Amino acid sequence: MAQTVLGRLTAGSAMVGALLAGMAAIAPPSGFNLGLSPAQAQSVVDEATTIRVYEQVSPAVVAINTRSGGGSGSIVDASGLILTNAHVVGRDRVVTVRLSDGRSFEGDVVGYGQDRLDLAAVRLRGNPTGLPTVSIAPVNSVRVGQSAFAIGSPFGLQGTLTVGIVSRIDRDRNVIQTDAAINPGNSGGPLLNSSGQLIGVNTSIFTTGNSGGNVGIGFAIPTDAVQTFLASVRSGTASAAPPTNRTNREPAPLALGAVVQGQLNDSSNVLPDGSFYNPYRFEGRAGQTVTIDMSSQEVDSYLILLAPDRDDFSIQDDDSGGNLNARISVQLPYTGSYLILANTVSQGESGRYQLRLSQGGGGQPTTSRVGLRQQGVLGPGDRTLQDGSYYQEFTFQGRAGQSVLIRLESPDFDTYLILFDDARNRIGENDDANPNTTNSELAVRLPRDGTYRVLVNSYRRGGRGRYLLTVD
């Protein structure tokens, strides 16, 4: 069975990865007509956007070489300031930077991200002039489903472009997930929107086997963390010490019914937000219900469940196990390998925990306190309402008078939200948050203490696909 790890994207293989992944459609401008069919016209618009983004940004993307490897970076200041990953520069204080025009410069590492944030800044020597730069997108401007473009040096091939979408925004971990093909050597390079603005810094991927290739799940550090880091570099307050080395512990096999004792510490893997995690893998069947419990008296447990060969499945939980314990109970959508990350809520938390994987879940929906963030796939195999539309059900605990905001987003189907109390009284429902979107949003003041049920639904019969549900 192929092994799955969260890999750093440093260069080191001579293999060539796939150049292009699927790209989300971009609507043609009003009046755009070349005498083509709608599908042909759409393809021309997509191609034109891709070419424009590459020609606009690629001159400002550099390759970085160190004594032990390398990666990519973005010129963010015409004076020669380069943004990259801390793990790309490693412990080297001087690196070699190759520009897209073939010129090479030495560069000094002038700052690192604090609290294990995987960012670093390099200042070019020699005061080069006329340098192109990458502009940075506004904070919180990224949306699930939008196009995403990655430029970097995968496997040492400088100036490679790959295209995909933003698959997920993990606000708890503060990372952007994308299916744009990013591979070893892309680390530190930009993830871009269709305007050519940097929306994130590519930092890690989930990969299978020993080749380190992409399987459609990549992560980038978003612009809020990037802007804060750059401000500290420019003010001279950035950390001068490299962060703790990230390990690449491979997932340990976990059997149904197994209970394992683990510990999170400096020997654990590290997510881009600086939190420790230990990975486990198990084999599951489509339609099988499993429950995962993580309990601890020393850390605030956090569970993440992924299907490493699928970028459309991810479930996370904080406190559904009660107190500081986490629990996920889910009906598996696929037959194959699943990945469990035993994680913590905060960066740097260390301590012992117990992890249990059990068969079944009593058919009960996943329960969470407010703060639920749930990603999944709606479609065949799910229950249906009377109109034949698919739905999934989740619950959270609420208090009388508490205000909650529920959002349901999907790049694939027209969403519909329904909220019930525990007695099945309908509290509210919503189709479109505004006339310009098919995403749903429901803001309510809860009438009583107790359990509330959220139905993730499609407005139309047969609607299916990926979704992100948040309850804040």
Protein backbone atom coordinates (compact mmCIF):
# COMPACT_ATOMS: atom_id res chain seq x y z
CA MET A 1 0.00 0.00 0.00
CA ALA A 2 1.29 3.47 -0.85
CA GLN A 3 2.33 5.48 2.16
CA THR A 4 1.03 8.99 2.71
CA VAL A 5 2.93 11.83 4.35
CA LEU A 6 2.67 15.57 4.66
CA GLY A 7 5.79 16.43 2.69
CA ARG A 8 7.91 19.55 2.48
CA LEU A 9 8.35 20.79 -1.06
CA THR A 10 12.13 21.07 -1.27
CA ALA A 11 13.82 20.08 -4.51
CA GLY A 12 15.73 16.86 -4.88
CA SER A 13 14.17 14.63 -7.56
CA ALA A 14 14.83 14.58 -11.30
CA MET A 15 11.30 13.41 -12.04
CA VAL A 16 8.96 15.69 -13.94
CA GLY A 17 5.49 16.21 -12.44
CA ALA A 18 2.28 17.00 -14.27
CA LEU A 19 2.26 20.56 -15.58
CA LEU A 20 -1.43 21.35 -15.57
CA ALA A 21 -4.35 20.40 -13.33
CA GLY A 22 -8.02 21.25 -13.92
CA MET A 23 -8.97 24.90 -13.82
CA ALA A 24 -12.18 26.47 -12.55
CA ALA A 25 -14.20 28.22 -15.21
CA ILE A 26 -14.03 32.00 -15.50
CA ALA A 27 -17.10 33.65 -16.96
CA PRO A 28 -16.43 35.52 -20.24
CA PRO A 29 -16.87 39.29 -20.17
CA SER A 30 -20.07 40.77 -21.49
CA GLY A 31 -20.07 41.05 -25.27
CA PHE A 32 -17.13 38.66 -25.73
CA ASN A 33 -17.75 36.90 -29.05
CA LEU A 34 -15.33 35.34 -31.48
CA GLY A 35 -17.95 33.41 -33.41
CA LEU A 36 -17.32 30.35 -31.22
CA SER A 37 -19.66 28.10 -29.32
CA PRO A 38 -20.14 28.97 -25.60
CA ALA A 39 -17.84 26.10 -24.61
CA GLN A 40 -15.17 27.18 -27.10
CA ALA A 41 -15.44 30.82 -26.02
CA GLN A 42 -15.11 29.76 -22.38
CA SER A 43 -11.96 27.78 -23.18
CA VAL A 44 -10.42 30.80 -24.93
CA VAL A 45 -11.13 33.01 -21.91
CA ASP A 46 -9.58 30.46 -19.53
CA GLU A 47 -6.50 30.12 -21.70
CA ALA A 48 -6.12 33.89 -22.04
CA THR A 49 -6.35 34.34 -18.26
CA THR A 50 -3.75 31.63 -17.65
CA ILE A 51 -1.32 33.14 -20.14
CA ARG A 52 -1.81 36.64 -18.74
CA VAL A 53 -1.19 35.54 -15.13
CA TYR A 54 1.96 33.67 -16.11
CA GLU A 55 3.41 36.47 -18.23
CA GLN A 56 2.59 39.02 -15.53
CA VAL A 57 4.02 37.18 -12.53
CA SER A 58 6.65 34.64 -13.64
CA PRO A 59 9.42 37.28 -14.05
CA ALA A 60 9.12 37.95 -10.29
CA VAL A 61 9.33 34.28 -9.23
CA VAL A 62 12.82 33.03 -8.37
CA ALA A 63 14.59 29.75 -7.70
CA ILE A 64 16.45 29.46 -4.40
CA ASN A 65 19.37 27.04 -3.94
CA THR A 66 20.97 26.07 -0.64
CA ARG A 67 23.63 23.62 0.46
CA SER A 68 21.02 20.91 1.05
CA GLY A 69 18.25 21.61 -1.46
CA GLY A 70 16.16 24.50 -2.60
CA GLY A 71 12.79 25.83 -3.57
CA SER A 72 11.10 28.94 -4.89
CA GLY A 73 10.38 32.50 -3.83
CA SER A 74 8.63 35.74 -4.83
CA ILE A 75 10.19 39.18 -5.19
CA VAL A 76 7.89 41.37 -3.12
CA ASP A 77 9.96 44.57 -3.08
CA ALA A 78 11.84 46.21 -5.97
CA SER A 79 14.80 46.68 -3.61
CA GLY A 80 15.36 42.91 -3.68
CA LEU A 81 13.31 41.49 -0.79
CA ILE A 82 12.22 37.91 -1.45
CA LEU A 83 9.51 35.93 0.34
CA THR A 84 9.94 32.18 0.73
CA ASN A 85 9.57 29.33 3.24
CA ALA A 86 11.76 28.89 6.30
CA HIS A 87 12.26 25.23 5.44
CA VAL A 88 13.54 26.20 1.96
CA VAL A 89 16.48 28.21 3.34
CA GLY A 90 16.94 25.83 6.28
CA ARG A 91 19.79 26.92 8.52
CA ASP A 92 21.76 28.59 5.69
CA ARG A 93 22.28 32.29 6.29
CA VAL A 94 23.35 32.91 2.68
CA VAL A 95 21.57 31.35 -0.32
CA THR A 96 21.86 31.55 -4.10
CA VAL A 97 18.94 33.16 -5.92
CA ARG A 98 18.41 32.66 -9.65
CA LEU A 99 16.10 35.13 -11.40
CA SER A 100 13.84 34.21 -14.29
CA ASP A 101 16.14 36.10 -16.70
CA GLY A 102 19.05 33.82 -15.77
CA ARG A 103 20.94 36.20 -13.46
CA SER A 104 22.14 34.79 -10.12
CA PHE A 105 22.74 36.64 -6.87
CA GLU A 106 23.72 35.76 -3.36
CA GLY A 107 21.07 36.60 -0.80
CA ASP A 108 21.13 37.04 2.96
CA VAL A 109 18.36 35.50 5.08
CA VAL A 110 17.09 38.51 7.04
CA GLY A 111 14.16 37.06 8.98
CA TYR A 112 12.13 34.00 9.91
CA GLY A 113 8.51 33.49 10.88
CA GLN A 114 7.84 33.30 14.61
CA ASP A 115 6.12 30.44 16.44
CA ARG A 116 7.12 27.92 13.75
CA LEU A 117 5.44 29.91 10.95
CA ASP A 118 7.06 28.53 7.79
CA LEU A 119 8.14 31.85 6.26
CA ALA A 120 11.52 33.47 5.64
CA ALA A 121 12.78 36.60 3.89
CA VAL A 122 15.91 36.93 1.76
CA ARG A 123 17.59 40.22 0.76
CA LEU A 124 19.55 40.17 -2.53
CA ARG A 125 23.13 41.39 -2.44
CA GLY A 126 24.46 43.81 -5.04
CA ASN A 127 21.50 46.22 -5.07
CA PRO A 128 20.03 44.98 -8.39
CA THR A 129 17.71 47.47 -10.08
CA GLY A 130 14.55 47.18 -12.13
CA LEU A 131 13.35 44.05 -10.37
CA PRO A 132 9.78 42.88 -11.13
CA THR A 133 7.57 42.25 -8.09
CA VAL A 134 4.56 40.17 -7.07
CA SER A 135 1.63 42.11 -5.62
CA ILE A 136 -0.20 40.71 -2.59
CA ALA A 137 -3.98 40.21 -2.56
CA PRO A 138 -6.08 41.85 0.17
CA VAL A 139 -6.51 39.88 3.39
CA ASN A 140 -9.58 37.59 3.44
CA SER A 141 -10.20 38.01 -0.30
CA VAL A 142 -9.82 34.29 -1.11
CA ARG A 143 -12.92 32.18 -1.80
CA VAL A 144 -13.40 28.43 -2.14
CA GLY A 145 -13.82 27.54 -5.81
CA GLN A 146 -11.82 30.42 -7.26
CA SER A 147 -9.01 29.76 -9.71
CA ALA A 148 -5.53 29.22 -8.25
CA PHE A 149 -2.22 29.44 -10.12
CA ALA A 150 1.12 28.18 -8.79
CA ILE A 151 4.49 29.19 -10.26
CA GLY A 152 7.75 27.71 -9.04
CA SER A 153 10.57 25.26 -9.62
CA PRO A 154 9.12 21.76 -9.13
CA PHE A 155 11.87 19.14 -9.40
CA GLY A 156 14.25 22.00 -10.28
CA LEU A 157 12.28 23.09 -13.38
CA GLN A 158 12.23 26.86 -12.89
CA GLY A 159 9.26 28.83 -14.16
CA THR A 160 6.73 25.98 -14.16
CA LEU A 161 3.04 26.95 -14.04
CA THR A 162 0.24 24.76 -12.69
CA VAL A 163 -3.44 25.61 -12.40
CA GLY A 164 -6.33 24.51 -10.20
CA ILE A 165 -8.79 25.94 -7.70
CA VAL A 166 -8.91 26.87 -4.03
CA SER A 167 -10.32 23.61 -2.63
CA ARG A 168 -10.76 24.70 0.96
CA ILE A 169 -9.96 27.47 3.43
CA ASP A 170 -9.03 26.16 6.85
CA ARG A 171 -9.56 29.10 9.16
CA ASP A 172 -8.68 27.12 12.27
CA ARG A 173 -5.29 26.08 10.86
CA ASN A 174 -4.99 29.33 8.86
CA VAL A 175 -4.02 27.60 5.61
CA ILE A 176 -5.38 27.53 2.07
CA GLN A 177 -5.87 24.13 0.44
CA THR A 178 -5.52 23.85 -3.34
CA ASP A 179 -5.60 21.14 -5.99
CA ALA A 180 -3.16 23.06 -8.23
CA ALA A 181 -0.31 20.60 -8.80
CA ILE A 182 2.54 21.66 -6.53
CA ASN A 183 5.51 19.38 -6.14
CA PRO A 184 8.99 19.29 -4.55
CA GLY A 185 10.62 22.60 -5.46
CA ASN A 186 7.39 24.64 -5.47
CA SER A 187 7.88 25.38 -1.77
CA GLY A 188 8.10 29.10 -1.06
CA GLY A 189 6.61 30.06 -4.42
CA PRO A 190 3.39 32.03 -4.89
CA LEU A 191 -0.18 30.80 -5.10
CA LEU A 192 -2.00 33.40 -7.22
CA ASN A 193 -5.49 34.55 -8.10
CA SER A 194 -6.71 35.33 -11.64
CA SER A 195 -5.55 38.95 -11.21
CA GLY A 196 -1.98 37.75 -10.67
CA GLN A 197 -1.96 38.66 -6.98
CA LEU A 198 -0.32 36.46 -4.35
CA ILE A 199 -3.00 34.79 -2.21
CA GLY A 200 -0.64 32.43 -0.40
CA VAL A 201 2.86 30.98 -0.10
CA ASN A 202 3.00 27.30 -1.06
CA THR A 203 4.37 25.36 1.88
CA SER A 204 3.46 21.64 1.91
CA ILE A 205 1.61 18.83 0.19
CA PHE A 206 0.10 15.49 0.96
CA THR A 207 1.95 12.93 -1.10
CA THR A 208 2.04 9.16 -1.52
CA GLY A 209 4.96 6.82 -1.99
CA ASN A 210 8.62 7.71 -2.22
CA SER A 211 8.54 9.93 -5.32
CA GLY A 212 7.09 12.91 -3.42
CA GLY A 213 4.59 13.64 -6.19
CA ASN A 214 1.40 15.65 -5.84
CA VAL A 215 -1.95 13.92 -5.27
CA GLY A 216 -4.14 17.01 -5.36
CA ILE A 217 -3.84 18.32 -1.80
CA GLY A 218 -1.48 21.26 -1.34
CA PHE A 219 -1.31 23.95 1.32
CA ALA A 220 -0.39 27.64 1.26
CA ILE A 221 0.10 30.24 4.01
CA PRO A 222 -2.50 33.03 3.48
CA THR A 223 -1.91 36.74 3.12
CA ASP A 224 -2.81 37.79 6.67
CA ALA A 225 0.17 35.83 8.02
CA VAL A 226 2.31 36.96 5.07
CA GLN A 227 1.58 40.66 5.62
CA THR A 228 2.28 40.43 9.35
CA PHE A 229 5.57 38.66 8.68
CA LEU A 230 6.71 41.16 6.03
CA ALA A 231 5.88 44.06 8.35
CA SER A 232 8.13 42.52 11.00
CA VAL A 233 10.93 42.06 8.45
CA ARG A 234 10.73 45.66 7.31
CA SER A 235 10.65 46.96 10.88
CA GLY A 236 13.60 44.79 11.91
CA THR A 237 11.61 42.81 14.49
CA ALA A 238 11.42 39.48 12.65
CA SER A 239 12.98 36.47 14.32
CA ALA A 240 16.67 35.99 13.56
CA ALA A 241 16.62 32.29 14.51
CA PRO A 242 15.42 29.49 12.20
CA PRO A 243 12.29 27.71 13.43
CA THR A 244 12.37 24.16 14.75
CA ASN A 245 13.04 21.66 11.97
CA ARG A 246 9.93 19.99 10.63
CA THR A 247 10.01 16.21 10.67
CA ASN A 248 8.44 13.87 8.13
CA ARG A 249 7.12 11.10 10.34
CA GLU A 250 5.23 8.64 8.14
CA PRO A 251 1.68 7.56 9.06
CA ALA A 252 1.46 4.63 11.46
CA PRO A 253 -1.08 1.92 10.52
CA LEU A 254 -4.21 1.89 12.69
CA ALA A 255 -6.65 -1.04 12.78
CA LEU A 256 -10.35 -0.88 13.61
CA GLY A 257 -10.78 -1.41 17.35
CA ALA A 258 -7.24 -0.24 18.07
CA VAL A 259 -6.35 2.10 20.93
CA VAL A 260 -2.95 3.79 20.82
CA GLN A 261 -1.09 6.01 23.29
CA GLY A 262 0.78 8.85 21.65
CA GLN A 263 2.66 12.02 22.45
CA LEU A 264 2.94 15.33 20.63
CA ASN A 265 6.33 17.00 20.94
CA ASP A 266 9.31 18.28 18.95
CA SER A 267 9.67 14.90 17.23
CA SER A 268 6.15 15.16 15.77
CA ASN A 269 5.32 16.60 12.36
CA VAL A 270 4.34 20.28 12.18
CA LEU A 271 1.45 21.83 10.27
CA PRO A 272 1.93 25.22 8.56
CA ASP A 273 0.29 26.93 11.56
CA GLY A 274 3.04 25.60 13.87
CA SER A 275 0.94 22.93 15.63
CA PHE A 276 2.29 19.41 16.21
CA TYR A 277 0.58 16.37 14.72
CA ASN A 278 1.12 12.62 14.46
CA PRO A 279 -0.30 10.87 11.35
CA TYR A 280 -2.11 7.52 11.25
CA ARG A 281 -3.65 5.62 8.35
CA PHE A 282 -6.41 3.04 8.03
CA GLU A 283 -8.31 1.26 5.28
CA GLY A 284 -12.04 1.96 4.97
CA ARG A 285 -14.99 0.95 2.81
CA ALA A 286 -17.56 3.18 1.16
CA GLY A 287 -20.66 3.31 3.39
CA GLN A 288 -18.79 2.13 6.48
CA THR A 289 -19.35 4.18 9.66
CA VAL A 290 -16.34 4.77 11.88
CA THR A 291 -15.73 6.81 15.03
CA ILE A 292 -12.38 8.37 15.92
CA ASP A 293 -11.77 9.57 19.49
CA MET A 294 -8.79 11.59 20.67
CA SER A 295 -8.62 12.27 24.40
CA SER A 296 -6.03 13.99 26.56
CA GLN A 297 -5.60 15.72 29.89
CA GLU A 298 -2.50 17.55 28.67
CA VAL A 299 -3.40 19.07 25.28
CA ASP A 300 -6.53 20.50 23.65
CA SER A 301 -7.19 17.69 21.17
CA TYR A 302 -7.90 18.38 17.51
CA LEU A 303 -8.70 15.72 14.91
CA ILE A 304 -8.36 15.95 11.13
CA LEU A 305 -9.60 13.18 8.82
CA LEU A 306 -8.56 13.16 5.16
CA ALA A 307 -8.72 10.88 2.15
CA PRO A 308 -5.22 11.45 0.72
CA ASP A 309 -6.15 10.51 -2.84
CA ARG A 310 -9.20 12.80 -2.79
CA ASP A 311 -9.03 16.58 -2.42
CA ASP A 312 -12.79 16.84 -1.83
CA PHE A 313 -12.97 15.14 1.58
CA SER A 314 -11.87 16.63 4.90
CA ILE A 315 -13.43 16.57 8.37
CA GLN A 316 -12.12 18.36 11.46
CA ASP A 317 -13.23 18.47 15.07
CA ASP A 318 -12.20 20.20 18.26
CA ASP A 319 -14.43 19.44 21.27
CA SER A 320 -17.12 16.95 20.21
CA GLY A 321 -15.65 14.35 22.57
CA GLY A 322 -16.41 16.58 25.57
CA ASN A 323 -14.02 18.78 27.55
CA LEU A 324 -10.78 19.06 25.55
CA ASN A 325 -11.41 15.82 23.66
CA ALA A 326 -12.15 15.47 19.94
CA ARG A 327 -14.44 13.02 18.13
CA ILE A 328 -15.34 12.36 14.52
CA SER A 329 -18.13 9.93 13.61
CA VAL A 330 -18.62 9.62 9.87
CA GLN A 331 -19.92 7.40 7.10
CA LEU A 332 -16.97 6.92 4.75
CA PRO A 333 -17.62 8.00 1.15
CA TYR A 334 -14.83 5.99 -0.49
CA THR A 335 -13.13 2.61 -0.38
CA GLY A 336 -9.43 3.04 0.23
CA SER A 337 -6.90 4.69 2.52
CA TYR A 338 -7.79 7.40 5.05
CA LEU A 339 -5.44 9.62 7.00
CA ILE A 340 -5.96 10.71 10.64
CA LEU A 341 -3.99 13.62 12.05
CA ALA A 342 -3.83 13.67 15.87
CA ASN A 343 -3.32 17.40 16.32
CA THR A 344 -3.82 20.24 18.82
CA VAL A 345 -5.80 23.46 18.73
CA SER A 346 -2.81 25.74 19.36
CA GLN A 347 0.70 25.89 17.96
CA GLY A 348 3.42 24.29 20.04
CA GLU A 349 1.10 22.36 22.41
CA SER A 350 2.80 19.18 23.60
CA GLY A 351 1.64 16.27 25.73
CA ARG A 352 0.25 12.76 25.83
CA TYR A 353 -3.02 11.59 24.25
CA GLN A 354 -5.05 8.46 23.52
CA LEU A 355 -6.42 7.72 20.04
CA ARG A 356 -9.16 5.16 19.35
CA LEU A 357 -10.59 3.98 16.00
CA SER A 358 -13.85 2.05 16.28
CA GLN A 359 -16.47 0.60 13.96
CA GLY A 360 -19.90 2.25 13.88
CA GLY A 361 -21.28 5.45 15.30
CA GLY A 362 -24.86 4.64 16.21
CA GLY A 363 -26.07 6.45 13.10
CA GLN A 364 -25.84 9.72 14.96
CA PRO A 365 -24.82 12.91 13.18
CA THR A 366 -21.50 14.53 14.02
CA THR A 367 -21.95 16.92 16.97
CA SER A 368 -19.87 20.00 17.67
CA ARG A 369 -19.93 23.14 19.72
CA VAL A 370 -20.32 26.39 17.84
CA GLY A 371 -17.15 26.81 15.80
CA LEU A 372 -17.97 23.84 13.57
CA ARG A 373 -16.10 23.78 10.25
CA GLN A 374 -17.04 20.80 8.14
CA GLN A 375 -15.96 19.93 4.62
CA GLY A 376 -17.52 17.04 2.77
CA VAL A 377 -19.14 15.72 -0.39
CA LEU A 378 -22.89 15.60 -0.98
CA GLY A 379 -24.29 13.00 -3.37
CA PRO A 380 -25.28 9.38 -3.97
CA GLY A 381 -25.33 7.36 -0.77
CA ASP A 382 -26.66 10.27 1.30
CA ARG A 383 -30.22 10.51 2.59
CA THR A 384 -32.80 12.44 0.54
CA LEU A 385 -35.64 14.81 1.35
CA GLN A 386 -39.15 14.35 -0.08
CA ASP A 387 -38.20 16.31 -3.19
CA GLY A 388 -35.37 13.83 -3.85
CA SER A 389 -32.56 16.26 -2.98
CA TYR A 390 -29.56 14.91 -1.07
CA TYR A 391 -28.79 16.07 2.46
CA GLN A 392 -26.35 15.52 5.32
CA GLU A 393 -27.02 16.44 8.94
CA PHE A 394 -24.76 17.95 11.60
CA THR A 395 -25.48 19.17 15.12
CA PHE A 396 -24.06 21.72 17.52
CA GLN A 397 -24.77 22.81 21.08
CA GLY A 398 -26.27 26.28 21.56
CA ARG A 399 -27.54 28.57 24.30
CA ALA A 400 -30.72 30.64 24.50
CA GLY A 401 -30.12 34.11 23.07
CA GLN A 402 -26.86 33.12 21.40
CA SER A 403 -26.27 34.58 17.93
CA VAL A 404 -24.84 32.19 15.33
CA LEU A 405 -23.87 32.62 11.69
CA ILE A 406 -24.13 29.51 9.52
CA ARG A 407 -22.59 29.45 6.04
CA LEU A 408 -22.75 26.76 3.37
CA GLU A 409 -20.45 27.17 0.35
CA SER A 410 -19.97 24.94 -2.68
CA PRO A 411 -18.25 25.32 -6.06
CA ASP A 412 -20.33 22.44 -7.45
CA PHE A 413 -24.01 22.84 -6.55
CA ASP A 414 -26.66 25.38 -5.53
CA THR A 415 -26.68 25.11 -1.74
CA TYR A 416 -29.62 25.14 0.67
CA LEU A 417 -29.42 25.47 4.47
CA ILE A 418 -32.05 24.36 7.00
CA LEU A 419 -31.77 24.74 10.79
CA PHE A 420 -33.88 22.77 13.29
CA ASP A 421 -33.93 22.55 17.05
CA ASP A 422 -33.75 19.15 18.75
CA ALA A 423 -37.55 18.78 18.57
CA ARG A 424 -37.40 19.21 14.78
CA ASN A 425 -38.94 22.66 14.88
CA ARG A 426 -37.68 24.62 11.88
CA ILE A 427 -35.69 27.65 13.07
CA GLY A 428 -34.66 29.03 9.70
CA GLU A 429 -33.62 28.26 6.14
CA ASN A 430 -31.79 29.99 3.31
CA ASP A 431 -31.10 29.46 -0.37
CA ASP A 432 -28.82 32.31 -1.47
CA ALA A 433 -26.88 34.62 0.83
CA ASN A 434 -27.35 37.36 -1.78
CA PRO A 435 -28.59 37.59 -5.40
CA ASN A 436 -25.06 37.14 -6.75
CA THR A 437 -24.23 33.79 -5.17
CA THR A 438 -25.53 30.25 -4.84
CA ASN A 439 -23.96 29.94 -1.39
CA SER A 440 -26.27 30.01 1.64
CA GLU A 441 -26.07 31.99 4.86
CA LEU A 442 -28.27 31.99 7.94
CA ALA A 443 -27.90 34.40 10.89
CA VAL A 444 -30.14 33.51 13.82
CA ARG A 445 -30.54 34.11 17.55
CA LEU A 446 -31.09 30.72 19.19
CA PRO A 447 -34.39 30.46 21.08
CA ARG A 448 -33.33 27.96 23.77
CA ASP A 449 -30.50 25.90 25.25
CA GLY A 450 -29.88 22.55 23.61
CA THR A 451 -28.89 20.72 20.46
CA TYR A 452 -29.45 22.24 17.02
CA ARG A 453 -29.41 20.41 13.70
CA VAL A 454 -28.06 21.81 10.43
CA LEU A 455 -29.08 20.20 7.15
CA VAL A 456 -26.60 20.57 4.29
CA ASN A 457 -28.87 20.36 1.28
CA SER A 458 -29.02 21.10 -2.45
CA TYR A 459 -31.61 23.49 -3.83
CA ARG A 460 -32.22 21.17 -6.77
CA ARG A 461 -32.82 17.45 -6.95
CA GLY A 462 -29.64 15.66 -7.96
CA GLY A 463 -27.34 18.49 -6.88
CA ARG A 464 -24.07 17.03 -5.70
CA GLY A 465 -20.45 17.89 -5.01
CA ARG A 466 -18.09 19.48 -2.52
CA TYR A 467 -19.14 21.82 0.25
CA LEU A 468 -17.84 23.73 3.26
CA LEU A 469 -20.13 24.27 6.26
CA THR A 470 -19.18 26.73 8.99
CA VAL A 471 -21.05 27.62 12.18
CA ASP A 472 -19.65 30.64 14.04
